[in-house]
Amino acid sequence: MHRRISNNFTYVSSCVKYMIFLLNFVFWLFGGLLIGVGFYAFVDKWQATGWLKVDNFYDVILNISLVMIIAGGVVFVVSFAGCLGALRENTCLLKFYSMCLLMFFLLEMAVAIMGFVFPHNMNSFLEDSFTDKIITTYRDDPDLQNLIDFAQQEFKCCGLSNAGYLDWGKNEYFNCSSPSVERCGVPYSCCINDTDISSGLVNIMCGYGAQNASVAAASKKIWTSGCIEIVRVWAERNLYTIAGVALGAALSQLFVIYLAKTLEGQIDLQKSRWSS
């Protein structure tokens, strides 16, 4: 004899359904926060500079406020699809959600493989693609300037490429042919000690004239190595930690994809039961 299935029975697991909903609700809020902060920074920059240059891909990717808005928009849309798909038991939204997560996962794996298998090629690509653009737009974009200063201070580096502190000769303010008082200098964030001991204030002139000095002489006042190489060395020293975090993030994504596909299957089973 076959057991009769109760009318109240459902193949859809409430645990799986609400776990997907809650996880995506958190990311949905995070996406909204990114959009809000990015939009605020965008408006603030617009009011300060009165212009926005987006002539090519690099203008977009190096504009931090735009990147935050775009990233926030992607997270907002995908997580909203996951929330609504789980809550309303909509298989179309769940398929869209799991497909997006799979695409993100494959993209992350591709970048990770390129970084670990071809580290020097990745370094060359970053140097060739971004060095000139980042260096030349310093001072033109306040957000990018703050990010560069933060990176140079935290990683104890100056410039981006293997040329190191000499990269700043490509900037119109620090170029040796510039009429500015900063000519042949580097930003204060390159200085080994950028704080005046007596006053406790940042000495913005500590890097003046650094490009005229040899590497040995300049290294007494400023960091001389480029940031890309310093970051690469730092990543190699912390390889196991970075790999552990990356593996944890990858497994989490695969687990959520598994939950979404499981819920899809349960919904299809429930629909087939109704139809029969």
C-alpha atoms as a PDB file:
ATOM      1  CA  MET A   1       0.000   0.000   0.000  1.00  0.00           C
ATOM      2  CA  HIS A   2       1.128   3.573  -0.722  1.00  0.00           C
ATOM      3  CA  ARG A   3       0.941   6.153   2.034  1.00  0.00           C
ATOM      4  CA  ARG A   4      -1.453   8.938   1.232  1.00  0.00           C
ATOM      5  CA  ILE A   5       0.272  12.321   1.125  1.00  0.00           C
ATOM      6  CA  SER A   6      -1.428  14.936   3.267  1.00  0.00           C
ATOM      7  CA  ASN A   7      -2.931  17.982   1.548  1.00  0.00           C
ATOM      8  CA  ASN A   8      -0.740  20.161   3.777  1.00  0.00           C
ATOM      9  CA  PHE A   9       2.451  18.423   2.669  1.00  0.00           C
ATOM     10  CA  THR A  10       4.892  20.440   0.559  1.00  0.00           C
ATOM     11  CA  TYR A  11       8.170  19.495  -1.072  1.00  0.00           C
ATOM     12  CA  VAL A  12       9.459  23.038  -0.523  1.00  0.00           C
ATOM     13  CA  SER A  13      11.721  23.221   2.526  1.00  0.00           C
ATOM     14  CA  SER A  14      11.051  26.288   4.679  1.00  0.00           C
ATOM     15  CA  CYS A  15      14.623  26.089   5.981  1.00  0.00           C
ATOM     16  CA  VAL A  16      16.148  26.337   2.483  1.00  0.00           C
ATOM     17  CA  LYS A  17      13.641  28.958   1.375  1.00  0.00           C
ATOM     18  CA  TYR A  18      14.155  31.363   4.263  1.00  0.00           C
ATOM     19  CA  MET A  19      17.908  30.797   4.431  1.00  0.00           C
ATOM     20  CA  ILE A  20      18.198  32.006   0.822  1.00  0.00           C
ATOM     21  CA  PHE A  21      15.859  34.903   1.598  1.00  0.00           C
ATOM     22  CA  LEU A  22      17.770  36.082   4.682  1.00  0.00           C
ATOM     23  CA  LEU A  23      21.205  35.791   3.038  1.00  0.00           C
ATOM     24  CA  ASN A  24      20.071  37.807   0.061  1.00  0.00           C
ATOM     25  CA  PHE A  25      18.206  40.325   2.175  1.00  0.00           C
ATOM     26  CA  VAL A  26      21.496  41.222   3.883  1.00  0.00           C
ATOM     27  CA  PHE A  27      23.247  41.624   0.515  1.00  0.00           C
ATOM     28  CA  TRP A  28      20.278  43.567  -0.845  1.00  0.00           C
ATOM     29  CA  LEU A  29      20.703  46.096   1.988  1.00  0.00           C
ATOM     30  CA  PHE A  30      24.471  46.170   1.366  1.00  0.00           C
ATOM     31  CA  GLY A  31      23.890  46.849  -2.337  1.00  0.00           C
ATOM     32  CA  GLY A  32      21.542  49.707  -1.481  1.00  0.00           C
ATOM     33  CA  LEU A  33      24.154  51.133   0.897  1.00  0.00           C
ATOM     34  CA  LEU A  34      26.823  51.002  -1.827  1.00  0.00           C
ATOM     35  CA  ILE A  35      24.527  52.815  -4.252  1.00  0.00           C
ATOM     36  CA  GLY A  36      23.726  55.484  -1.657  1.00  0.00           C
ATOM     37  CA  VAL A  37      27.355  56.108  -0.667  1.00  0.00           C
ATOM     38  CA  GLY A  38      28.506  56.069  -4.301  1.00  0.00           C
ATOM     39  CA  PHE A  39      25.768  58.480  -5.366  1.00  0.00           C
ATOM     40  CA  TYR A  40      26.608  60.836  -2.484  1.00  0.00           C
ATOM     41  CA  ALA A  41      30.316  60.772  -3.439  1.00  0.00           C
ATOM     42  CA  PHE A  42      29.409  61.299  -7.106  1.00  0.00           C
ATOM     43  CA  VAL A  43      27.244  64.360  -6.353  1.00  0.00           C
ATOM     44  CA  ASP A  44      29.851  65.753  -3.950  1.00  0.00           C
ATOM     45  CA  LYS A  45      32.591  65.402  -6.582  1.00  0.00           C
ATOM     46  CA  TRP A  46      30.336  66.909  -9.248  1.00  0.00           C
ATOM     47  CA  GLN A  47      29.694  69.966  -7.070  1.00  0.00           C
ATOM     48  CA  ALA A  48      33.415  70.280  -6.244  1.00  0.00           C
ATOM     49  CA  THR A  49      34.840  69.864  -9.757  1.00  0.00           C
ATOM     50  CA  GLY A  50      31.847  70.702 -11.967  1.00  0.00           C
ATOM     51  CA  TRP A  51      32.747  68.029 -14.542  1.00  0.00           C
ATOM     52  CA  LEU A  52      32.871  64.290 -15.073  1.00  0.00           C
ATOM     53  CA  LYS A  53      35.057  62.592 -17.676  1.00  0.00           C
ATOM     54  CA  VAL A  54      33.885  59.179 -18.936  1.00  0.00           C
ATOM     55  CA  ASP A  55      35.472  59.025 -22.389  1.00  0.00           C
ATOM     56  CA  ASN A  56      36.609  55.395 -22.098  1.00  0.00           C
ATOM     57  CA  PHE A  57      36.605  52.266 -19.939  1.00  0.00           C
ATOM     58  CA  TYR A  58      39.486  53.468 -17.766  1.00  0.00           C
ATOM     59  CA  ASP A  59      37.632  56.688 -16.892  1.00  0.00           C
ATOM     60  CA  VAL A  60      34.795  54.563 -15.523  1.00  0.00           C
ATOM     61  CA  ILE A  61      36.827  51.924 -13.673  1.00  0.00           C
ATOM     62  CA  LEU A  62      39.071  54.535 -12.027  1.00  0.00           C
ATOM     63  CA  ASN A  63      36.102  56.631 -10.889  1.00  0.00           C
ATOM     64  CA  ILE A  64      35.494  55.203  -7.420  1.00  0.00           C
ATOM     65  CA  SER A  65      32.015  56.688  -6.986  1.00  0.00           C
ATOM     66  CA  LEU A  66      30.856  55.242 -10.329  1.00  0.00           C
ATOM     67  CA  VAL A  67      32.374  51.852  -9.492  1.00  0.00           C
ATOM     68  CA  MET A  68      30.503  51.838  -6.170  1.00  0.00           C
ATOM     69  CA  ILE A  69      27.219  52.722  -7.907  1.00  0.00           C
ATOM     70  CA  ILE A  70      27.682  50.023 -10.583  1.00  0.00           C
ATOM     71  CA  ALA A  71      28.803  47.348  -8.081  1.00  0.00           C
ATOM     72  CA  GLY A  72      25.982  48.305  -5.711  1.00  0.00           C
ATOM     73  CA  GLY A  73      23.473  48.138  -8.571  1.00  0.00           C
ATOM     74  CA  VAL A  74      24.624  44.633  -9.571  1.00  0.00           C
ATOM     75  CA  VAL A  75      24.494  43.364  -5.962  1.00  0.00           C
ATOM     76  CA  PHE A  76      21.114  45.055  -5.436  1.00  0.00           C
ATOM     77  CA  VAL A  77      19.501  43.500  -8.546  1.00  0.00           C
ATOM     78  CA  VAL A  78      20.944  39.984  -8.117  1.00  0.00           C
ATOM     79  CA  SER A  79      20.199  39.756  -4.379  1.00  0.00           C
ATOM     80  CA  PHE A  80      16.693  41.165  -4.956  1.00  0.00           C
ATOM     81  CA  ALA A  81      16.086  38.399  -7.500  1.00  0.00           C
ATOM     82  CA  GLY A  82      17.244  35.858  -4.905  1.00  0.00           C
ATOM     83  CA  CYS A  83      15.030  37.363  -2.196  1.00  0.00           C
ATOM     84  CA  LEU A  84      11.910  37.569  -4.329  1.00  0.00           C
ATOM     85  CA  GLY A  85      12.538  34.255  -6.056  1.00  0.00           C
ATOM     86  CA  ALA A  86      12.831  32.413  -2.734  1.00  0.00           C
ATOM     87  CA  LEU A  87       9.950  34.224  -1.043  1.00  0.00           C
ATOM     88  CA  ARG A  88       7.527  33.880  -3.986  1.00  0.00           C
ATOM     89  CA  GLU A  89       8.905  30.476  -5.042  1.00  0.00           C
ATOM     90  CA  ASN A  90       9.565  31.795  -8.541  1.00  0.00           C
ATOM     91  CA  THR A  91      11.848  29.442 -10.488  1.00  0.00           C
ATOM     92  CA  CYS A  92      12.598  32.022 -13.237  1.00  0.00           C
ATOM     93  CA  LEU A  93      14.053  34.472 -10.707  1.00  0.00           C
ATOM     94  CA  LEU A  94      15.928  31.674  -8.939  1.00  0.00           C
ATOM     95  CA  LYS A  95      17.466  30.520 -12.228  1.00  0.00           C
ATOM     96  CA  PHE A  96      18.526  34.078 -13.028  1.00  0.00           C
ATOM     97  CA  TYR A  97      19.994  34.385  -9.508  1.00  0.00           C
ATOM     98  CA  SER A  98      21.954  31.102  -9.622  1.00  0.00           C
ATOM     99  CA  MET A  99      23.206  31.864 -13.155  1.00  0.00           C
ATOM    100  CA  CYS A 100      24.534  35.255 -12.015  1.00  0.00           C
ATOM    101  CA  LEU A 101      26.292  33.657  -9.036  1.00  0.00           C
ATOM    102  CA  LEU A 102      27.844  31.038 -11.319  1.00  0.00           C
ATOM    103  CA  MET A 103      29.103  33.753 -13.704  1.00  0.00           C
ATOM    104  CA  PHE A 104      30.640  35.674 -10.770  1.00  0.00           C
ATOM    105  CA  PHE A 105      32.265  32.475  -9.521  1.00  0.00           C
ATOM    106  CA  LEU A 106      33.788  31.628 -12.918  1.00  0.00           C
ATOM    107  CA  LEU A 107      35.042  35.193 -13.355  1.00  0.00           C
ATOM    108  CA  GLU A 108      36.678  35.144  -9.913  1.00  0.00           C
ATOM    109  CA  MET A 109      38.320  31.793 -10.685  1.00  0.00           C
ATOM    110  CA  ALA A 110      39.648  33.116 -14.004  1.00  0.00           C
ATOM    111  CA  VAL A 111      41.187  36.169 -12.324  1.00  0.00           C
ATOM    112  CA  ALA A 112      42.659  34.037  -9.516  1.00  0.00           C
ATOM    113  CA  ILE A 113      44.205  31.571 -11.986  1.00  0.00           C
ATOM    114  CA  MET A 114      45.697  34.400 -14.043  1.00  0.00           C
ATOM    115  CA  GLY A 115      47.103  35.991 -10.889  1.00  0.00           C
ATOM    116  CA  PHE A 116      48.718  32.806  -9.533  1.00  0.00           C
ATOM    117  CA  VAL A 117      49.780  31.096 -12.762  1.00  0.00           C
ATOM    118  CA  PHE A 118      50.950  34.189 -14.647  1.00  0.00           C
ATOM    119  CA  PRO A 119      51.853  36.721 -11.910  1.00  0.00           C
ATOM    120  CA  HIS A 120      54.438  38.572 -13.995  1.00  0.00           C
ATOM    121  CA  ASN A 121      52.082  38.825 -16.975  1.00  0.00           C
ATOM    122  CA  MET A 122      49.405  40.203 -14.638  1.00  0.00           C
ATOM    123  CA  ASN A 123      51.903  42.734 -13.276  1.00  0.00           C
ATOM    124  CA  SER A 124      52.810  43.840 -16.793  1.00  0.00           C
ATOM    125  CA  PHE A 125      49.138  44.153 -17.738  1.00  0.00           C
ATOM    126  CA  LEU A 126      48.365  46.307 -14.695  1.00  0.00           C
ATOM    127  CA  GLU A 127      51.410  48.488 -15.275  1.00  0.00           C
ATOM    128  CA  ASP A 128      50.739  48.990 -18.975  1.00  0.00           C
ATOM    129  CA  SER A 129      47.001  49.561 -18.549  1.00  0.00           C
ATOM    130  CA  PHE A 130      46.705  51.689 -15.443  1.00  0.00           C
ATOM    131  CA  THR A 131      50.005  53.377 -14.548  1.00  0.00           C
ATOM    132  CA  ASP A 132      49.820  56.326 -16.937  1.00  0.00           C
ATOM    133  CA  LYS A 133      46.082  56.810 -16.431  1.00  0.00           C
ATOM    134  CA  ILE A 134      46.256  56.773 -12.627  1.00  0.00           C
ATOM    135  CA  ILE A 135      49.353  58.940 -12.382  1.00  0.00           C
ATOM    136  CA  THR A 136      48.138  61.571 -14.863  1.00  0.00           C
ATOM    137  CA  THR A 137      44.666  61.901 -13.250  1.00  0.00           C
ATOM    138  CA  TYR A 138      46.037  62.352  -9.732  1.00  0.00           C
ATOM    139  CA  ARG A 139      44.752  65.696  -8.431  1.00  0.00           C
ATOM    140  CA  ASP A 140      41.979  65.752 -11.048  1.00  0.00           C
ATOM    141  CA  ASP A 141      39.891  63.201  -9.137  1.00  0.00           C
ATOM    142  CA  PRO A 142      39.774  63.793  -5.331  1.00  0.00           C
ATOM    143  CA  ASP A 143      38.553  60.240  -4.587  1.00  0.00           C
ATOM    144  CA  LEU A 144      41.305  58.656  -6.672  1.00  0.00           C
ATOM    145  CA  GLN A 145      43.882  60.958  -5.074  1.00  0.00           C
ATOM    146  CA  ASN A 146      42.819  59.873  -1.572  1.00  0.00           C
ATOM    147  CA  LEU A 147      42.966  56.215  -2.615  1.00  0.00           C
ATOM    148  CA  ILE A 148      46.475  56.589  -4.085  1.00  0.00           C
ATOM    149  CA  ASP A 149      47.729  58.435  -1.003  1.00  0.00           C
ATOM    150  CA  PHE A 150      46.230  55.765   1.264  1.00  0.00           C
ATOM    151  CA  ALA A 151      47.811  52.922  -0.778  1.00  0.00           C
ATOM    152  CA  GLN A 152      51.254  54.575  -0.851  1.00  0.00           C
ATOM    153  CA  GLN A 153      51.213  55.155   2.899  1.00  0.00           C
ATOM    154  CA  GLU A 154      49.902  51.688   3.806  1.00  0.00           C
ATOM    155  CA  PHE A 155      52.148  49.694   1.455  1.00  0.00           C
ATOM    156  CA  LYS A 156      55.157  52.014   1.792  1.00  0.00           C
ATOM    157  CA  CYS A 157      55.528  52.549  -1.936  1.00  0.00           C
ATOM    158  CA  CYS A 158      55.690  55.399  -4.428  1.00  0.00           C
ATOM    159  CA  GLY A 159      54.327  55.301  -7.976  1.00  0.00           C
ATOM    160  CA  LEU A 160      52.996  52.138  -9.580  1.00  0.00           C
ATOM    161  CA  SER A 161      55.382  50.543 -12.079  1.00  0.00           C
ATOM    162  CA  ASN A 162      58.946  49.279 -11.720  1.00  0.00           C
ATOM    163  CA  ALA A 163      60.099  52.877 -12.261  1.00  0.00           C
ATOM    164  CA  GLY A 164      58.780  53.610  -8.781  1.00  0.00           C
ATOM    165  CA  TYR A 165      58.933  57.242  -7.668  1.00  0.00           C
ATOM    166  CA  LEU A 166      59.973  58.337 -11.179  1.00  0.00           C
ATOM    167  CA  ASP A 167      56.424  57.540 -12.339  1.00  0.00           C
ATOM    168  CA  TRP A 168      55.381  60.911 -10.916  1.00  0.00           C
ATOM    169  CA  GLY A 169      57.290  62.629 -13.710  1.00  0.00           C
ATOM    170  CA  LYS A 170      54.267  61.784 -15.902  1.00  0.00           C
ATOM    171  CA  ASN A 171      51.983  63.987 -13.806  1.00  0.00           C
ATOM    172  CA  GLU A 172      51.580  67.598 -14.928  1.00  0.00           C
ATOM    173  CA  TYR A 173      52.067  68.928 -11.396  1.00  0.00           C
ATOM    174  CA  PHE A 174      55.189  66.865 -10.577  1.00  0.00           C
ATOM    175  CA  ASN A 175      56.789  66.902 -14.022  1.00  0.00           C
ATOM    176  CA  CYS A 176      60.200  68.582 -14.026  1.00  0.00           C
ATOM    177  CA  SER A 177      59.067  70.935 -16.797  1.00  0.00           C
ATOM    178  CA  SER A 178      56.073  72.102 -14.766  1.00  0.00           C
ATOM    179  CA  PRO A 179      55.993  75.718 -13.540  1.00  0.00           C
ATOM    180  CA  SER A 180      54.546  74.437 -10.257  1.00  0.00           C
ATOM    181  CA  VAL A 181      56.600  74.539  -7.051  1.00  0.00           C
ATOM    182  CA  GLU A 182      56.037  70.763  -6.907  1.00  0.00           C
ATOM    183  CA  ARG A 183      58.058  70.132 -10.085  1.00  0.00           C
ATOM    184  CA  CYS A 184      60.378  67.143  -9.882  1.00  0.00           C
ATOM    185  CA  GLY A 185      58.673  66.159  -6.631  1.00  0.00           C
ATOM    186  CA  VAL A 186      56.377  63.365  -5.431  1.00  0.00           C
ATOM    187  CA  PRO A 187      53.215  63.413  -3.286  1.00  0.00           C
ATOM    188  CA  TYR A 188      53.691  63.669   0.481  1.00  0.00           C
ATOM    189  CA  SER A 189      52.272  60.132   0.833  1.00  0.00           C
ATOM    190  CA  CYS A 190      55.550  58.819  -0.649  1.00  0.00           C
ATOM    191  CA  CYS A 191      57.553  60.218   2.283  1.00  0.00           C
ATOM    192  CA  ILE A 192      58.966  57.858   4.904  1.00  0.00           C
ATOM    193  CA  ASN A 193      58.052  60.418   7.542  1.00  0.00           C
ATOM    194  CA  ASP A 194      55.485  62.922   6.289  1.00  0.00           C
ATOM    195  CA  THR A 195      54.675  64.416   9.690  1.00  0.00           C
ATOM    196  CA  ASP A 196      56.487  67.390  11.173  1.00  0.00           C
ATOM    197  CA  ILE A 197      57.614  66.296  14.651  1.00  0.00           C
ATOM    198  CA  SER A 198      57.466  69.789  16.138  1.00  0.00           C
ATOM    199  CA  SER A 199      53.965  70.710  14.938  1.00  0.00           C
ATOM    200  CA  GLY A 200      52.449  67.267  14.432  1.00  0.00           C
ATOM    201  CA  LEU A 201      51.093  68.399  11.044  1.00  0.00           C
ATOM    202  CA  VAL A 202      51.565  66.717   7.666  1.00  0.00           C
ATOM    203  CA  ASN A 203      54.499  68.196   5.771  1.00  0.00           C
ATOM    204  CA  ILE A 204      53.163  68.311   2.194  1.00  0.00           C
ATOM    205  CA  MET A 205      56.553  69.561   0.935  1.00  0.00           C
ATOM    206  CA  CYS A 206      58.549  66.550   2.155  1.00  0.00           C
ATOM    207  CA  GLY A 207      58.696  65.043  -1.346  1.00  0.00           C
ATOM    208  CA  TYR A 208      59.749  68.195  -3.213  1.00  0.00           C
ATOM    209  CA  GLY A 209      62.696  67.662  -5.581  1.00  0.00           C
ATOM    210  CA  ALA A 210      62.818  63.889  -4.968  1.00  0.00           C
ATOM    211  CA  GLN A 211      62.951  63.017  -8.689  1.00  0.00           C
ATOM    212  CA  ASN A 212      66.250  64.862  -9.045  1.00  0.00           C
ATOM    213  CA  ALA A 213      67.882  62.543  -6.513  1.00  0.00           C
ATOM    214  CA  SER A 214      69.382  59.117  -7.176  1.00  0.00           C
ATOM    215  CA  VAL A 215      67.602  56.050  -5.817  1.00  0.00           C
ATOM    216  CA  ALA A 216      70.090  55.790  -2.948  1.00  0.00           C
ATOM    217  CA  ALA A 217      69.672  59.453  -1.989  1.00  0.00           C
ATOM    218  CA  ALA A 218      65.894  59.473  -2.501  1.00  0.00           C
ATOM    219  CA  SER A 219      65.426  56.328  -0.389  1.00  0.00           C
ATOM    220  CA  LYS A 220      66.525  58.299   2.692  1.00  0.00           C
ATOM    221  CA  LYS A 221      63.425  60.502   2.403  1.00  0.00           C
ATOM    222  CA  ILE A 222      60.832  58.592   0.374  1.00  0.00           C
ATOM    223  CA  TRP A 223      59.760  55.092  -0.581  1.00  0.00           C
ATOM    224  CA  THR A 224      61.187  54.411  -4.025  1.00  0.00           C
ATOM    225  CA  SER A 225      59.558  51.118  -5.124  1.00  0.00           C
ATOM    226  CA  GLY A 226      56.353  50.959  -7.185  1.00  0.00           C
ATOM    227  CA  CYS A 227      53.140  49.844  -5.493  1.00  0.00           C
ATOM    228  CA  ILE A 228      52.272  47.013  -7.900  1.00  0.00           C
ATOM    229  CA  GLU A 229      55.492  45.138  -7.124  1.00  0.00           C
ATOM    230  CA  ILE A 230      55.151  45.799  -3.369  1.00  0.00           C
ATOM    231  CA  VAL A 231      51.574  44.476  -3.378  1.00  0.00           C
ATOM    232  CA  ARG A 232      52.691  41.399  -5.343  1.00  0.00           C
ATOM    233  CA  VAL A 233      55.407  40.641  -2.778  1.00  0.00           C
ATOM    234  CA  TRP A 234      52.928  41.197   0.064  1.00  0.00           C
ATOM    235  CA  ALA A 235      50.464  38.800  -1.595  1.00  0.00           C
ATOM    236  CA  GLU A 236      53.179  36.123  -1.946  1.00  0.00           C
ATOM    237  CA  ARG A 237      54.066  36.441   1.749  1.00  0.00           C
ATOM    238  CA  ASN A 238      50.398  36.106   2.754  1.00  0.00           C
ATOM    239  CA  LEU A 239      49.550  33.524   0.094  1.00  0.00           C
ATOM    240  CA  TYR A 240      47.991  30.961   2.464  1.00  0.00           C
ATOM    241  CA  THR A 241      45.805  33.544   4.177  1.00  0.00           C
ATOM    242  CA  ILE A 242      44.612  34.982   0.860  1.00  0.00           C
ATOM    243  CA  ALA A 243      44.040  31.478  -0.547  1.00  0.00           C
ATOM    244  CA  GLY A 244      42.055  30.517   2.568  1.00  0.00           C
ATOM    245  CA  VAL A 245      39.819  33.570   2.328  1.00  0.00           C
ATOM    246  CA  ALA A 246      39.337  33.043  -1.417  1.00  0.00           C
ATOM    247  CA  LEU A 247      38.510  29.365  -0.904  1.00  0.00           C
ATOM    248  CA  GLY A 248      36.021  30.237   1.834  1.00  0.00           C
ATOM    249  CA  ALA A 249      34.320  32.801  -0.427  1.00  0.00           C
ATOM    250  CA  ALA A 250      34.228  30.329  -3.343  1.00  0.00           C
ATOM    251  CA  LEU A 251      32.737  27.530  -1.215  1.00  0.00           C
ATOM    252  CA  SER A 252      30.147  29.954   0.172  1.00  0.00           C
ATOM    253  CA  GLN A 253      29.098  30.913  -3.354  1.00  0.00           C
ATOM    254  CA  LEU A 254      28.870  27.261  -4.394  1.00  0.00           C
ATOM    255  CA  PHE A 255      26.807  26.492  -1.286  1.00  0.00           C
ATOM    256  CA  VAL A 256      24.340  29.293  -2.073  1.00  0.00           C
ATOM    257  CA  ILE A 257      24.117  28.110  -5.710  1.00  0.00           C
ATOM    258  CA  TYR A 258      23.412  24.603  -4.385  1.00  0.00           C
ATOM    259  CA  LEU A 259      20.642  25.968  -2.134  1.00  0.00           C
ATOM    260  CA  ALA A 260      19.090  27.887  -5.041  1.00  0.00           C
ATOM    261  CA  LYS A 261      19.148  24.828  -7.333  1.00  0.00           C
ATOM    262  CA  THR A 262      17.738  22.673  -4.519  1.00  0.00           C
ATOM    263  CA  LEU A 263      14.874  25.097  -4.005  1.00  0.00           C
ATOM    264  CA  GLU A 264      14.231  25.156  -7.759  1.00  0.00           C
ATOM    265  CA  GLY A 265      13.934  21.360  -7.760  1.00  0.00           C
ATOM    266  CA  GLN A 266      11.603  21.382  -4.757  1.00  0.00           C
ATOM    267  CA  ILE A 267       9.349  23.969  -6.391  1.00  0.00           C
ATOM    268  CA  ASP A 268       9.200  21.927  -9.608  1.00  0.00           C
ATOM    269  CA  LEU A 269       8.271  18.815  -7.602  1.00  0.00           C
ATOM    270  CA  GLN A 270       5.536  20.723  -5.830  1.00  0.00           C
ATOM    271  CA  LYS A 271       4.184  22.060  -9.138  1.00  0.00           C
ATOM    272  CA  SER A 272       4.157  18.569 -10.655  1.00  0.00           C
ATOM    273  CA  ARG A 273       2.228  17.327  -7.607  1.00  0.00           C
ATOM    274  CA  TRP A 274      -0.347  20.065  -8.082  1.00  0.00           C
ATOM    275  CA  SER A 275      -0.689  19.314 -11.785  1.00  0.00           C
ATOM    276  CA  SER A 276      -1.183  15.600 -11.136  1.00  0.00           C
END
